[in-house]
Amino acid sequence: MEAVLADLDTAPISEPVRAMLRFLRKVTQSTVTAEDARVLKASGVSHAQIDDALAVCWAFNVINRIADAFAFDVPGPEAFAASAKMLLSRGYK
């Protein structure tokens, strides 16, 4: 994760994942074209994988924009760590 955030081009991830992350960055920050989708498919990403990634990307983008618009309070690292520990032990219920 840290390597991907530091430099997507040199991070130790598969090429399909790298292509998907580039595509999702463009979806979030710019306008995508049919050529962008062709490049993604040529990297080995399936249509179903594209659909799933776009759904997750859309959800995060909407939530982030709403949170920014309403100045939601974001807890610190300690709260996230406590939540992660609880979810790992109990799961989503």
Protein backbone atom coordinates (compact mmCIF):
# COMPACT_ATOMS: atom_id res chain seq x y z
CA MET A 1 0.00 0.00 0.00
CA GLU A 2 2.74 2.44 0.95
CA ALA A 3 4.67 1.64 -2.22
CA VAL A 4 1.57 2.21 -4.36
CA LEU A 5 0.90 5.55 -2.70
CA ALA A 6 4.55 6.56 -3.00
CA ASP A 7 4.96 5.67 -6.68
CA LEU A 8 2.39 3.71 -8.65
CA ASP A 9 4.84 3.18 -11.52
CA THR A 10 7.42 1.30 -9.44
CA ALA A 11 5.18 -0.33 -6.82
CA PRO A 12 5.46 -4.14 -6.65
CA ILE A 13 1.97 -4.90 -7.99
CA SER A 14 0.68 -6.70 -11.05
CA GLU A 15 0.23 -4.80 -14.29
CA PRO A 16 -3.57 -5.30 -14.35
CA VAL A 17 -3.82 -3.77 -10.86
CA ARG A 18 -1.55 -0.89 -11.88
CA ALA A 19 -3.68 -0.30 -15.01
CA MET A 20 -6.86 -0.35 -12.93
CA LEU A 21 -5.49 2.16 -10.42
CA ARG A 22 -4.45 4.49 -13.24
CA PHE A 23 -7.92 4.17 -14.76
CA LEU A 24 -9.64 4.87 -11.43
CA ARG A 25 -7.41 7.90 -10.88
CA LYS A 26 -8.49 9.24 -14.25
CA VAL A 27 -12.16 8.48 -13.49
CA THR A 28 -11.82 10.46 -10.26
CA GLN A 29 -9.80 13.40 -11.57
CA SER A 30 -10.60 13.74 -15.26
CA THR A 31 -12.62 12.34 -18.13
CA VAL A 32 -12.21 8.82 -19.41
CA THR A 33 -12.51 7.77 -23.03
CA ALA A 34 -13.19 4.55 -24.89
CA GLU A 35 -9.44 4.33 -25.50
CA ASP A 36 -8.84 4.36 -21.72
CA ALA A 37 -11.17 1.37 -21.40
CA ARG A 38 -9.44 -0.43 -24.28
CA VAL A 39 -6.04 0.05 -22.62
CA LEU A 40 -7.46 -1.31 -19.36
CA LYS A 41 -8.98 -4.36 -21.05
CA ALA A 42 -5.72 -4.98 -22.96
CA SER A 43 -3.89 -5.18 -19.62
CA GLY A 44 -5.95 -8.24 -18.71
CA VAL A 45 -8.70 -6.69 -16.60
CA SER A 46 -12.11 -8.28 -17.19
CA HIS A 47 -15.36 -6.42 -17.74
CA ALA A 48 -16.66 -7.72 -14.40
CA GLN A 49 -13.54 -6.44 -12.61
CA ILE A 50 -14.00 -3.03 -14.22
CA ASP A 51 -17.64 -2.94 -13.11
CA ASP A 52 -16.70 -3.86 -9.53
CA ALA A 53 -13.87 -1.34 -9.33
CA LEU A 54 -16.04 1.45 -10.74
CA ALA A 55 -18.79 0.70 -8.21
CA VAL A 56 -16.33 0.91 -5.30
CA CYS A 57 -14.70 4.02 -6.76
CA TRP A 58 -18.09 5.69 -7.22
CA ALA A 59 -19.11 4.93 -3.64
CA PHE A 60 -15.88 6.30 -2.16
CA ASN A 61 -15.99 9.40 -4.37
CA VAL A 62 -19.57 10.21 -3.39
CA ILE A 63 -18.92 9.62 0.31
CA ASN A 64 -15.75 11.74 0.22
CA ARG A 65 -17.46 14.61 -1.55
CA ILE A 66 -20.39 14.57 0.87
CA ALA A 67 -18.03 14.38 3.84
CA ASP A 68 -16.04 17.33 2.49
CA ALA A 69 -19.18 19.37 1.75
CA PHE A 70 -20.53 18.88 5.26
CA ALA A 71 -17.14 19.02 7.01
CA PHE A 72 -17.56 15.61 8.64
CA ASP A 73 -15.31 14.98 11.61
CA VAL A 74 -12.73 12.33 10.76
CA PRO A 75 -11.38 10.44 13.77
CA GLY A 76 -7.67 10.04 14.32
CA PRO A 77 -5.55 6.93 13.75
CA GLU A 78 -6.34 5.54 17.20
CA ALA A 79 -10.07 5.41 16.45
CA PHE A 80 -9.46 3.73 13.09
CA ALA A 81 -7.18 1.16 14.74
CA ALA A 82 -9.81 0.39 17.38
CA SER A 83 -12.51 0.01 14.70
CA ALA A 84 -10.27 -2.26 12.62
CA LYS A 85 -9.54 -4.45 15.65
CA MET A 86 -13.25 -4.77 16.41
CA LEU A 87 -14.13 -5.58 12.79
CA LEU A 88 -11.37 -8.16 12.55
CA SER A 89 -12.59 -9.91 15.70
CA ARG A 90 -16.36 -9.63 15.16
CA GLY A 91 -16.77 -9.00 11.43
CA TYR A 92 -19.62 -7.01 9.94
CA LYS A 93 -22.92 -7.78 11.65
